Amino acid sequence: MNPRNKLGEDLHVSKTVTLPRLNRLSPSLESTALKIMEESGELAQAIGKLRGLSGERQRLEEEEAMQMVARELVDVAQTAVTMMFVLEEQYGIDLESILQEHITKLRHKGYCD
């Protein structure tokens, strides 16, 4: 699937990902931050396997490695969403306003329309 049209313009202007609140856990801010770091490390390891950077002789085939990268990326995203729930539920943070501020900042910097 090619996300660009004939003129090289992006066809996808945003991506929406919906991930569940994990209701069988009692995460804290600290435990979730540590889990994000763990999952980020696994993502880096998957990329290292693709590039042969992990000290292993045999690299994974690109398709297999990219599947691993995608799975680890979703793990990072799930853990980040879990932290969002922690911030909302335990600390009363209004993430909708934080997300709007973030999008405004990106637009101001010229990163998106």
PDB file of N, CA and C in Angstrom:
ATOM      1  N   MET A   1       0.836  -1.173   0.000  1.00  0.00           N
ATOM      2  CA  MET A   1       0.000   0.000   0.000  1.00  0.00           C
ATOM      3  C   MET A   1       0.885   1.241   0.000  1.00  0.00           C
ATOM      4  N   ASN A   2       0.693   2.088  -0.957  1.00  0.00           N
ATOM      5  CA  ASN A   2       1.472   3.305  -1.081  1.00  0.00           C
ATOM      6  C   ASN A   2       0.651   4.486  -0.569  1.00  0.00           C
ATOM      7  N   PRO A   3       1.104   5.148   0.512  1.00  0.00           N
ATOM      8  CA  PRO A   3       0.320   6.245   1.070  1.00  0.00           C
ATOM      9  C   PRO A   3       0.499   7.564   0.338  1.00  0.00           C
ATOM     10  N   ARG A   4       1.042   7.560  -0.871  1.00  0.00           N
ATOM     11  CA  ARG A   4       1.239   8.798  -1.631  1.00  0.00           C
ATOM     12  C   ARG A   4       0.517   8.693  -2.971  1.00  0.00           C
ATOM     13  N   ASN A   5       0.026   9.827  -3.461  1.00  0.00           N
ATOM     14  CA  ASN A   5      -0.596   9.825  -4.777  1.00  0.00           C
ATOM     15  C   ASN A   5       0.456  10.114  -5.845  1.00  0.00           C
ATOM     16  N   LYS A   6       0.047  10.290  -7.089  1.00  0.00           N
ATOM     17  CA  LYS A   6       0.985  10.470  -8.195  1.00  0.00           C
ATOM     18  C   LYS A   6       1.852  11.713  -8.051  1.00  0.00           C
ATOM     19  N   LEU A   7       1.365  12.744  -7.367  1.00  0.00           N
ATOM     20  CA  LEU A   7       2.125  13.981  -7.210  1.00  0.00           C
ATOM     21  C   LEU A   7       3.032  13.950  -5.988  1.00  0.00           C
ATOM     22  N   GLY A   8       3.065  12.824  -5.271  1.00  0.00           N
ATOM     23  CA  GLY A   8       3.914  12.707  -4.103  1.00  0.00           C
ATOM     24  C   GLY A   8       3.302  13.285  -2.841  1.00  0.00           C
ATOM     25  N   GLU A   9       2.021  13.662  -2.898  1.00  0.00           N
ATOM     26  CA  GLU A   9       1.360  14.223  -1.729  1.00  0.00           C
ATOM     27  C   GLU A   9       0.821  13.091  -0.855  1.00  0.00           C
ATOM     28  N   ASP A  10       0.841  13.321   0.454  1.00  0.00           N
ATOM     29  CA  ASP A  10       0.316  12.322   1.371  1.00  0.00           C
ATOM     30  C   ASP A  10      -1.190  12.204   1.217  1.00  0.00           C
ATOM     31  N   LEU A  11      -1.678  10.969   1.171  1.00  0.00           N
ATOM     32  CA  LEU A  11      -3.107  10.727   1.151  1.00  0.00           C
ATOM     33  C   LEU A  11      -3.650  10.629   2.569  1.00  0.00           C
ATOM     34  N   HIS A  12      -2.821  10.230   3.508  1.00  0.00           N
ATOM     35  CA  HIS A  12      -3.232  10.076   4.896  1.00  0.00           C
ATOM     36  C   HIS A  12      -2.762  11.303   5.673  1.00  0.00           C
ATOM     37  N   VAL A  13      -3.694  12.062   6.218  1.00  0.00           N
ATOM     38  CA  VAL A  13      -3.304  13.248   6.965  1.00  0.00           C
ATOM     39  C   VAL A  13      -3.260  12.984   8.462  1.00  0.00           C
ATOM     40  N   SER A  14      -3.865  11.906   8.888  1.00  0.00           N
ATOM     41  CA  SER A  14      -3.780  11.524  10.294  1.00  0.00           C
ATOM     42  C   SER A  14      -4.089  10.038  10.430  1.00  0.00           C
ATOM     43  N   LYS A  15      -3.757   9.506  11.576  1.00  0.00           N
ATOM     44  CA  LYS A  15      -4.057   8.110  11.877  1.00  0.00           C
ATOM     45  C   LYS A  15      -4.712   8.093  13.244  1.00  0.00           C
ATOM     46  N   THR A  16      -5.843   7.435  13.334  1.00  0.00           N
ATOM     47  CA  THR A  16      -6.548   7.297  14.600  1.00  0.00           C
ATOM     48  C   THR A  16      -6.370   5.875  15.091  1.00  0.00           C
ATOM     49  N   VAL A  17      -5.920   5.767  16.322  1.00  0.00           N
ATOM     50  CA  VAL A  17      -5.722   4.455  16.935  1.00  0.00           C
ATOM     51  C   VAL A  17      -6.554   4.428  18.212  1.00  0.00           C
ATOM     52  N   THR A  18      -7.374   3.411  18.348  1.00  0.00           N
ATOM     53  CA  THR A  18      -8.172   3.250  19.551  1.00  0.00           C
ATOM     54  C   THR A  18      -7.671   2.027  20.292  1.00  0.00           C
ATOM     55  N   LEU A  19      -7.218   2.238  21.508  1.00  0.00           N
ATOM     56  CA  LEU A  19      -6.711   1.146  22.327  1.00  0.00           C
ATOM     57  C   LEU A  19      -7.482   1.122  23.639  1.00  0.00           C
ATOM     58  N   PRO A  20      -7.704  -0.063  24.194  1.00  0.00           N
ATOM     59  CA  PRO A  20      -8.569  -0.171  25.371  1.00  0.00           C
ATOM     60  C   PRO A  20      -7.889   0.238  26.668  1.00  0.00           C
ATOM     61  N   ARG A  21      -8.720   0.577  27.640  1.00  0.00           N
ATOM     62  CA  ARG A  21      -8.253   0.728  29.010  1.00  0.00           C
ATOM     63  C   ARG A  21      -8.071  -0.681  29.542  1.00  0.00           C
ATOM     64  N   LEU A  22      -6.912  -0.965  30.092  1.00  0.00           N
ATOM     65  CA  LEU A  22      -6.634  -2.298  30.626  1.00  0.00           C
ATOM     66  C   LEU A  22      -7.216  -2.366  32.028  1.00  0.00           C
ATOM     67  N   ASN A  23      -8.289  -3.134  32.191  1.00  0.00           N
ATOM     68  CA  ASN A  23      -9.033  -3.103  33.436  1.00  0.00           C
ATOM     69  C   ASN A  23      -8.631  -4.183  34.439  1.00  0.00           C
ATOM     70  N   ARG A  24      -7.645  -4.966  34.138  1.00  0.00           N
ATOM     71  CA  ARG A  24      -7.193  -5.988  35.085  1.00  0.00           C
ATOM     72  C   ARG A  24      -5.842  -5.633  35.678  1.00  0.00           C
ATOM     73  N   LEU A  25      -5.490  -4.361  35.548  1.00  0.00           N
ATOM     74  CA  LEU A  25      -4.235  -3.859  36.091  1.00  0.00           C
ATOM     75  C   LEU A  25      -4.532  -2.680  37.009  1.00  0.00           C
ATOM     76  N   SER A  26      -3.601  -2.403  37.884  1.00  0.00           N
ATOM     77  CA  SER A  26      -3.677  -1.204  38.723  1.00  0.00           C
ATOM     78  C   SER A  26      -2.376  -0.427  38.544  1.00  0.00           C
ATOM     79  N   PRO A  27      -2.201   0.164  37.366  1.00  0.00           N
ATOM     80  CA  PRO A  27      -0.915   0.819  37.084  1.00  0.00           C
ATOM     81  C   PRO A  27      -0.755   2.124  37.852  1.00  0.00           C
ATOM     82  N   SER A  28       0.478   2.387  38.230  1.00  0.00           N
ATOM     83  CA  SER A  28       0.815   3.683  38.817  1.00  0.00           C
ATOM     84  C   SER A  28       1.557   4.479  37.752  1.00  0.00           C
ATOM     85  N   LEU A  29       1.772   5.747  38.036  1.00  0.00           N
ATOM     86  CA  LEU A  29       2.536   6.582  37.119  1.00  0.00           C
ATOM     87  C   LEU A  29       3.927   5.996  36.917  1.00  0.00           C
ATOM     88  N   GLU A  30       4.557   5.582  38.021  1.00  0.00           N
ATOM     89  CA  GLU A  30       5.923   5.050  37.964  1.00  0.00           C
ATOM     90  C   GLU A  30       5.988   3.713  37.219  1.00  0.00           C
ATOM     91  N   SER A  31       5.060   2.800  37.532  1.00  0.00           N
ATOM     92  CA  SER A  31       5.108   1.485  36.877  1.00  0.00           C
ATOM     93  C   SER A  31       4.843   1.617  35.383  1.00  0.00           C
ATOM     94  N   THR A  32       3.972   2.558  35.022  1.00  0.00           N
ATOM     95  CA  THR A  32       3.665   2.746  33.604  1.00  0.00           C
ATOM     96  C   THR A  32       4.836   3.384  32.873  1.00  0.00           C
ATOM     97  N   ALA A  33       5.506   4.334  33.507  1.00  0.00           N
ATOM     98  CA  ALA A  33       6.688   4.945  32.894  1.00  0.00           C
ATOM     99  C   ALA A  33       7.767   3.895  32.660  1.00  0.00           C
ATOM    100  N   LEU A  34       7.981   3.031  33.638  1.00  0.00           N
ATOM    101  CA  LEU A  34       8.968   1.957  33.475  1.00  0.00           C
ATOM    102  C   LEU A  34       8.566   1.002  32.358  1.00  0.00           C
ATOM    103  N   LYS A  35       7.266   0.713  32.245  1.00  0.00           N
ATOM    104  CA  LYS A  35       6.783  -0.181  31.191  1.00  0.00           C
ATOM    105  C   LYS A  35       6.976   0.456  29.816  1.00  0.00           C
ATOM    106  N   ILE A  36       6.770   1.777  29.714  1.00  0.00           N
ATOM    107  CA  ILE A  36       7.025   2.459  28.437  1.00  0.00           C
ATOM    108  C   ILE A  36       8.487   2.302  28.042  1.00  0.00           C
ATOM    109  N   MET A  37       9.388   2.453  29.013  1.00  0.00           N
ATOM    110  CA  MET A  37      10.819   2.291  28.722  1.00  0.00           C
ATOM    111  C   MET A  37      11.136   0.860  28.290  1.00  0.00           C
ATOM    112  N   GLU A  38      10.537  -0.107  28.962  1.00  0.00           N
ATOM    113  CA  GLU A  38      10.749  -1.516  28.598  1.00  0.00           C
ATOM    114  C   GLU A  38      10.276  -1.778  27.175  1.00  0.00           C
ATOM    115  N   GLU A  39       9.067  -1.334  26.874  1.00  0.00           N
ATOM    116  CA  GLU A  39       8.519  -1.568  25.535  1.00  0.00           C
ATOM    117  C   GLU A  39       9.304  -0.807  24.470  1.00  0.00           C
ATOM    118  N   SER A  40       9.775   0.392  24.799  1.00  0.00           N
ATOM    119  CA  SER A  40      10.609   1.152  23.856  1.00  0.00           C
ATOM    120  C   SER A  40      11.917   0.418  23.579  1.00  0.00           C
ATOM    121  N   GLY A  41      12.465  -0.215  24.610  1.00  0.00           N
ATOM    122  CA  GLY A  41      13.678  -1.016  24.432  1.00  0.00           C
ATOM    123  C   GLY A  41      13.436  -2.200  23.513  1.00  0.00           C
ATOM    124  N   GLU A  42      12.276  -2.840  23.667  1.00  0.00           N
ATOM    125  CA  GLU A  42      11.943  -3.959  22.785  1.00  0.00           C
ATOM    126  C   GLU A  42      11.742  -3.490  21.344  1.00  0.00           C
ATOM    127  N   LEU A  43      11.190  -2.289  21.172  1.00  0.00           N
ATOM    128  CA  LEU A  43      11.060  -1.709  19.836  1.00  0.00           C
ATOM    129  C   LEU A  43      12.442  -1.464  19.233  1.00  0.00           C
ATOM    130  N   ALA A  44      13.335  -0.891  20.014  1.00  0.00           N
ATOM    131  CA  ALA A  44      14.705  -0.648  19.543  1.00  0.00           C
ATOM    132  C   ALA A  44      15.406  -1.962  19.196  1.00  0.00           C
ATOM    133  N   GLN A  45      15.177  -2.985  20.001  1.00  0.00           N
ATOM    134  CA  GLN A  45      15.769  -4.295  19.740  1.00  0.00           C
ATOM    135  C   GLN A  45      15.252  -4.866  18.417  1.00  0.00           C
ATOM    136  N   ALA A  46      13.956  -4.716  18.155  1.00  0.00           N
ATOM    137  CA  ALA A  46      13.387  -5.212  16.897  1.00  0.00           C
ATOM    138  C   ALA A  46      14.009  -4.483  15.708  1.00  0.00           C
ATOM    139  N   ILE A  47      14.190  -3.173  15.830  1.00  0.00           N
ATOM    140  CA  ILE A  47      14.840  -2.413  14.757  1.00  0.00           C
ATOM    141  C   ILE A  47      16.290  -2.863  14.607  1.00  0.00           C
ATOM    142  N   GLY A  48      16.959  -3.139  15.716  1.00  0.00           N
ATOM    143  CA  GLY A  48      18.332  -3.635  15.671  1.00  0.00           C
ATOM    144  C   GLY A  48      18.449  -4.964  14.957  1.00  0.00           C
ATOM    145  N   LYS A  49      17.457  -5.825  15.158  1.00  0.00           N
ATOM    146  CA  LYS A  49      17.468  -7.111  14.452  1.00  0.00           C
ATOM    147  C   LYS A  49      17.331  -6.910  12.952  1.00  0.00           C
ATOM    148  N   LEU A  50      16.516  -5.920  12.560  1.00  0.00           N
ATOM    149  CA  LEU A  50      16.357  -5.618  11.139  1.00  0.00           C
ATOM    150  C   LEU A  50      17.679  -5.154  10.540  1.00  0.00           C
ATOM    151  N   ARG A  51      18.403  -4.343  11.266  1.00  0.00           N
ATOM    152  CA  ARG A  51      19.643  -3.748  10.761  1.00  0.00           C
ATOM    153  C   ARG A  51      20.892  -4.541  11.127  1.00  0.00           C
ATOM    154  N   GLY A  52      20.716  -5.641  11.852  1.00  0.00           N
ATOM    155  CA  GLY A  52      21.870  -6.438  12.248  1.00  0.00           C
ATOM    156  C   GLY A  52      22.703  -5.751  13.310  1.00  0.00           C
ATOM    157  N   LEU A  53      22.087  -4.937  14.148  1.00  0.00           N
ATOM    158  CA  LEU A  53      22.805  -4.163  15.155  1.00  0.00           C
ATOM    159  C   LEU A  53      22.827  -4.826  16.521  1.00  0.00           C
ATOM    160  N   SER A  54      22.194  -5.969  16.645  1.00  0.00           N
ATOM    161  CA  SER A  54      22.058  -6.594  17.956  1.00  0.00           C
ATOM    162  C   SER A  54      23.189  -7.568  18.274  1.00  0.00           C
ATOM    163  N   GLY A  55      24.202  -7.597  17.431  1.00  0.00           N
ATOM    164  CA  GLY A  55      25.322  -8.497  17.666  1.00  0.00           C
ATOM    165  C   GLY A  55      25.089  -9.911  17.155  1.00  0.00           C
ATOM    166  N   GLU A  56      23.947 -10.135  16.568  1.00  0.00           N
ATOM    167  CA  GLU A  56      23.642 -11.458  16.024  1.00  0.00           C
ATOM    168  C   GLU A  56      24.184 -11.565  14.612  1.00  0.00           C
ATOM    169  N   ARG A  57      24.595 -12.736  14.244  1.00  0.00           N
ATOM    170  CA  ARG A  57      25.124 -12.940  12.889  1.00  0.00           C
ATOM    171  C   ARG A  57      24.016 -12.909  11.851  1.00  0.00           C
ATOM    172  N   GLN A  58      22.922 -13.603  12.153  1.00  0.00           N
ATOM    173  CA  GLN A  58      21.855 -13.715  11.167  1.00  0.00           C
ATOM    174  C   GLN A  58      20.787 -12.661  11.443  1.00  0.00           C
ATOM    175  N   ARG A  59      20.569 -11.819  10.471  1.00  0.00           N
ATOM    176  CA  ARG A  59      19.522 -10.810  10.580  1.00  0.00           C
ATOM    177  C   ARG A  59      18.197 -11.437  10.165  1.00  0.00           C
ATOM    178  N   LEU A  60      17.115 -10.859  10.648  1.00  0.00           N
ATOM    179  CA  LEU A  60      15.796 -11.294  10.215  1.00  0.00           C
ATOM    180  C   LEU A  60      15.530 -10.793   8.804  1.00  0.00           C
ATOM    181  N   GLU A  61      14.678 -11.502   8.097  1.00  0.00           N
ATOM    182  CA  GLU A  61      14.234 -10.995   6.812  1.00  0.00           C
ATOM    183  C   GLU A  61      13.455  -9.709   7.061  1.00  0.00           C
ATOM    184  N   GLU A  62      13.489  -8.787   6.111  1.00  0.00           N
ATOM    185  CA  GLU A  62      12.882  -7.477   6.317  1.00  0.00           C
ATOM    186  C   GLU A  62      11.399  -7.572   6.673  1.00  0.00           C
ATOM    187  N   GLU A  63      10.656  -8.404   5.972  1.00  0.00           N
ATOM    188  CA  GLU A  63       9.214  -8.505   6.247  1.00  0.00           C
ATOM    189  C   GLU A  63       8.950  -8.986   7.673  1.00  0.00           C
ATOM    190  N   GLU A  64       9.682 -10.003   8.097  1.00  0.00           N
ATOM    191  CA  GLU A  64       9.533 -10.527   9.456  1.00  0.00           C
ATOM    192  C   GLU A  64       9.932  -9.475  10.499  1.00  0.00           C
ATOM    193  N   ALA A  65      11.027  -8.775  10.235  1.00  0.00           N
ATOM    194  CA  ALA A  65      11.495  -7.742  11.160  1.00  0.00           C
ATOM    195  C   ALA A  65      10.501  -6.587  11.244  1.00  0.00           C
ATOM    196  N   MET A  66       9.933  -6.181  10.113  1.00  0.00           N
ATOM    197  CA  MET A  66       8.970  -5.083  10.135  1.00  0.00           C
ATOM    198  C   MET A  66       7.697  -5.473  10.864  1.00  0.00           C
ATOM    199  N   GLN A  67       7.295  -6.727  10.773  1.00  0.00           N
ATOM    200  CA  GLN A  67       6.150  -7.202  11.560  1.00  0.00           C
ATOM    201  C   GLN A  67       6.459  -7.102  13.054  1.00  0.00           C
ATOM    202  N   MET A  68       7.677  -7.479  13.426  1.00  0.00           N
ATOM    203  CA  MET A  68       8.099  -7.387  14.824  1.00  0.00           C
ATOM    204  C   MET A  68       8.132  -5.932  15.275  1.00  0.00           C
ATOM    205  N   VAL A  69       8.659  -5.053  14.436  1.00  0.00           N
ATOM    206  CA  VAL A  69       8.704  -3.625  14.755  1.00  0.00           C
ATOM    207  C   VAL A  69       7.285  -3.098  14.967  1.00  0.00           C
ATOM    208  N   ALA A  70       6.370  -3.463  14.090  1.00  0.00           N
ATOM    209  CA  ALA A  70       4.982  -2.999  14.200  1.00  0.00           C
ATOM    210  C   ALA A  70       4.337  -3.496  15.498  1.00  0.00           C
ATOM    211  N   ARG A  71       4.573  -4.756  15.847  1.00  0.00           N
ATOM    212  CA  ARG A  71       4.005  -5.294  17.087  1.00  0.00           C
ATOM    213  C   ARG A  71       4.551  -4.571  18.316  1.00  0.00           C
ATOM    214  N   GLU A  72       5.847  -4.315  18.312  1.00  0.00           N
ATOM    215  CA  GLU A  72       6.461  -3.616  19.451  1.00  0.00           C
ATOM    216  C   GLU A  72       5.987  -2.164  19.518  1.00  0.00           C
ATOM    217  N   LEU A  73       5.789  -1.547  18.362  1.00  0.00           N
ATOM    218  CA  LEU A  73       5.283  -0.176  18.337  1.00  0.00           C
ATOM    219  C   LEU A  73       3.884  -0.103  18.948  1.00  0.00           C
ATOM    220  N   VAL A  74       3.041  -1.085  18.642  1.00  0.00           N
ATOM    221  CA  VAL A  74       1.701  -1.123  19.228  1.00  0.00           C
ATOM    222  C   VAL A  74       1.791  -1.338  20.743  1.00  0.00           C
ATOM    223  N   ASP A  75       2.749  -2.141  21.199  1.00  0.00           N
ATOM    224  CA  ASP A  75       2.947  -2.306  22.646  1.00  0.00           C
ATOM    225  C   ASP A  75       3.315  -0.972  23.298  1.00  0.00           C
ATOM    226  N   VAL A  76       4.181  -0.199  22.658  1.00  0.00           N
ATOM    227  CA  VAL A  76       4.546   1.127  23.172  1.00  0.00           C
ATOM    228  C   VAL A  76       3.308   2.014  23.221  1.00  0.00           C
ATOM    229  N   ALA A  77       2.525   1.996  22.146  1.00  0.00           N
ATOM    230  CA  ALA A  77       1.317   2.825  22.085  1.00  0.00           C
ATOM    231  C   ALA A  77       0.325   2.423  23.170  1.00  0.00           C
ATOM    232  N   GLN A  78       0.123   1.121  23.372  1.00  0.00           N
ATOM    233  CA  GLN A  78      -0.805   0.665  24.407  1.00  0.00           C
ATOM    234  C   GLN A  78      -0.362   1.145  25.784  1.00  0.00           C
ATOM    235  N   THR A  79       0.917   1.069  26.043  1.00  0.00           N
ATOM    236  CA  THR A  79       1.421   1.494  27.348  1.00  0.00           C
ATOM    237  C   THR A  79       1.286   3.006  27.504  1.00  0.00           C
ATOM    238  N   ALA A  80       1.501   3.762  26.429  1.00  0.00           N
ATOM    239  CA  ALA A  80       1.308   5.216  26.488  1.00  0.00           C
ATOM    240  C   ALA A  80      -0.159   5.547  26.753  1.00  0.00           C
ATOM    241  N   VAL A  81      -1.066   4.817  26.126  1.00  0.00           N
ATOM    242  CA  VAL A  81      -2.493   5.034  26.368  1.00  0.00           C
ATOM    243  C   VAL A  81      -2.830   4.691  27.820  1.00  0.00           C
ATOM    244  N   THR A  82      -2.234   3.640  28.346  1.00  0.00           N
ATOM    245  CA  THR A  82      -2.447   3.297  29.748  1.00  0.00           C
ATOM    246  C   THR A  82      -2.009   4.444  30.646  1.00  0.00           C
ATOM    247  N   MET A  83      -0.877   5.073  30.314  1.00  0.00           N
ATOM    248  CA  MET A  83      -0.427   6.212  31.113  1.00  0.00           C
ATOM    249  C   MET A  83      -1.402   7.377  30.996  1.00  0.00           C
ATOM    250  N   MET A  84      -2.005   7.547  29.839  1.00  0.00           N
ATOM    251  CA  MET A  84      -3.017   8.596  29.689  1.00  0.00           C
ATOM    252  C   MET A  84      -4.192   8.353  30.636  1.00  0.00           C
ATOM    253  N   PHE A  85      -4.626   7.098  30.725  1.00  0.00           N
ATOM    254  CA  PHE A  85      -5.707   6.768  31.664  1.00  0.00           C
ATOM    255  C   PHE A  85      -5.276   7.051  33.106  1.00  0.00           C
ATOM    256  N   VAL A  86      -4.041   6.710  33.443  1.00  0.00           N
ATOM    257  CA  VAL A  86      -3.521   6.981  34.789  1.00  0.00           C
ATOM    258  C   VAL A  86      -3.565   8.480  35.072  1.00  0.00           C
ATOM    259  N   LEU A  87      -3.105   9.292  34.116  1.00  0.00           N
ATOM    260  CA  LEU A  87      -3.093  10.746  34.304  1.00  0.00           C
ATOM    261  C   LEU A  87      -4.504  11.302  34.480  1.00  0.00           C
ATOM    262  N   GLU A  88      -5.438  10.788  33.680  1.00  0.00           N
ATOM    263  CA  GLU A  88      -6.818  11.253  33.790  1.00  0.00           C
ATOM    264  C   GLU A  88      -7.466  10.823  35.102  1.00  0.00           C
ATOM    265  N   GLU A  89      -7.347   9.532  35.405  1.00  0.00           N
ATOM    266  CA  GLU A  89      -8.079   8.958  36.531  1.00  0.00           C
ATOM    267  C   GLU A  89      -7.443   9.247  37.891  1.00  0.00           C
ATOM    268  N   GLN A  90      -6.131   9.254  37.954  1.00  0.00           N
ATOM    269  CA  GLN A  90      -5.465   9.426  39.247  1.00  0.00           C
ATOM    270  C   GLN A  90      -5.034  10.865  39.520  1.00  0.00           C
ATOM    271  N   TYR A  91      -4.872  11.660  38.453  1.00  0.00           N
ATOM    272  CA  TYR A  91      -4.360  13.009  38.632  1.00  0.00           C
ATOM    273  C   TYR A  91      -5.277  14.093  38.072  1.00  0.00           C
ATOM    274  N   GLY A  92      -6.404  13.698  37.484  1.00  0.00           N
ATOM    275  CA  GLY A  92      -7.373  14.667  36.983  1.00  0.00           C
ATOM    276  C   GLY A  92      -6.910  15.499  35.804  1.00  0.00           C
ATOM    277  N   ILE A  93      -5.974  15.005  35.037  1.00  0.00           N
ATOM    278  CA  ILE A  93      -5.451  15.737  33.879  1.00  0.00           C
ATOM    279  C   ILE A  93      -6.472  15.690  32.737  1.00  0.00           C
ATOM    280  N   ASP A  94      -6.720  16.828  32.105  1.00  0.00           N
ATOM    281  CA  ASP A  94      -7.624  16.923  30.956  1.00  0.00           C
ATOM    282  C   ASP A  94      -6.801  16.669  29.694  1.00  0.00           C
ATOM    283  N   LEU A  95      -6.754  15.416  29.285  1.00  0.00           N
ATOM    284  CA  LEU A  95      -5.923  15.068  28.129  1.00  0.00           C
ATOM    285  C   LEU A  95      -6.460  15.611  26.819  1.00  0.00           C
ATOM    286  N   GLU A  96      -7.753  15.841  26.713  1.00  0.00           N
ATOM    287  CA  GLU A  96      -8.295  16.422  25.484  1.00  0.00           C
ATOM    288  C   GLU A  96      -7.670  17.793  25.241  1.00  0.00           C
ATOM    289  N   SER A  97      -7.563  18.604  26.286  1.00  0.00           N
ATOM    290  CA  SER A  97      -6.951  19.926  26.103  1.00  0.00           C
ATOM    291  C   SER A  97      -5.452  19.805  25.834  1.00  0.00           C
ATOM    292  N   ILE A  98      -4.797  18.834  26.464  1.00  0.00           N
ATOM    293  CA  ILE A  98      -3.365  18.612  26.209  1.00  0.00           C
ATOM    294  C   ILE A  98      -3.154  18.189  24.757  1.00  0.00           C
ATOM    295  N   LEU A  99      -4.015  17.318  24.252  1.00  0.00           N
ATOM    296  CA  LEU A  99      -3.897  16.885  22.853  1.00  0.00           C
ATOM    297  C   LEU A  99      -4.130  18.051  21.896  1.00  0.00           C
ATOM    298  N   GLN A 100      -5.097  18.903  22.196  1.00  0.00           N
ATOM    299  CA  GLN A 100      -5.337  20.075  21.353  1.00  0.00           C
ATOM    300  C   GLN A 100      -4.133  21.023  21.372  1.00  0.00           C
ATOM    301  N   GLU A 101      -3.539  21.224  22.552  1.00  0.00           N
ATOM    302  CA  GLU A 101      -2.323  22.042  22.652  1.00  0.00           C
ATOM    303  C   GLU A 101      -1.207  21.445  21.809  1.00  0.00           C
ATOM    304  N   HIS A 102      -1.082  20.129  21.845  1.00  0.00           N
ATOM    305  CA  HIS A 102      -0.037  19.434  21.090  1.00  0.00           C
ATOM    306  C   HIS A 102      -0.228  19.649  19.589  1.00  0.00           C
ATOM    307  N   ILE A 103      -1.453  19.490  19.115  1.00  0.00           N
ATOM    308  CA  ILE A 103      -1.731  19.674  17.688  1.00  0.00           C
ATOM    309  C   ILE A 103      -1.466  21.121  17.275  1.00  0.00           C
ATOM    310  N   THR A 104      -1.868  22.069  18.118  1.00  0.00           N
ATOM    311  CA  THR A 104      -1.599  23.486  17.842  1.00  0.00           C
ATOM    312  C   THR A 104      -0.093  23.731  17.753  1.00  0.00           C
ATOM    313  N   LYS A 105       0.664  23.150  18.669  1.00  0.00           N
ATOM    314  CA  LYS A 105       2.127  23.296  18.654  1.00  0.00           C
ATOM    315  C   LYS A 105       2.709  22.732  17.359  1.00  0.00           C
ATOM    316  N   LEU A 106       2.246  21.554  16.938  1.00  0.00           N
ATOM    317  CA  LEU A 106       2.743  20.945  15.701  1.00  0.00           C
ATOM    318  C   LEU A 106       2.441  21.822  14.494  1.00  0.00           C
ATOM    319  N   ARG A 107       1.237  22.377  14.468  1.00  0.00           N
ATOM    320  CA  ARG A 107       0.860  23.259  13.355  1.00  0.00           C
ATOM    321  C   ARG A 107       1.713  24.527  13.370  1.00  0.00           C
ATOM    322  N   HIS A 108       1.931  25.088  14.538  1.00  0.00           N
ATOM    323  CA  HIS A 108       2.735  26.303  14.672  1.00  0.00           C
ATOM    324  C   HIS A 108       4.173  26.070  14.166  1.00  0.00           C
ATOM    325  N   LYS A 109       4.695  24.884  14.430  1.00  0.00           N
ATOM    326  CA  LYS A 109       6.047  24.557  13.984  1.00  0.00           C
ATOM    327  C   LYS A 109       6.102  24.163  12.509  1.00  0.00           C
ATOM    328  N   GLY A 110       4.926  24.040  11.880  1.00  0.00           N
ATOM    329  CA  GLY A 110       4.870  23.696  10.466  1.00  0.00           C
ATOM    330  C   GLY A 110       4.983  22.208  10.188  1.00  0.00           C
ATOM    331  N   TYR A 111       4.796  21.376  11.221  1.00  0.00           N
ATOM    332  CA  TYR A 111       4.912  19.930  11.036  1.00  0.00           C
ATOM    333  C   TYR A 111       3.671  19.326  10.388  1.00  0.00           C
ATOM    334  N   CYS A 112       2.533  20.024  10.461  1.00  0.00           N
ATOM    335  CA  CYS A 112       1.301  19.526   9.872  1.00  0.00           C
ATOM    336  C   CYS A 112       0.386  20.705   9.571  1.00  0.00           C
ATOM    337  N   ASP A 113      -0.650  20.452   8.775  1.00  0.00           N
ATOM    338  CA  ASP A 113      -1.624  21.503   8.422  1.00  0.00           C
ATOM    339  C   ASP A 113      -2.715  21.575   9.454  1.00  0.00           C
TER     340      ASP A 113
END
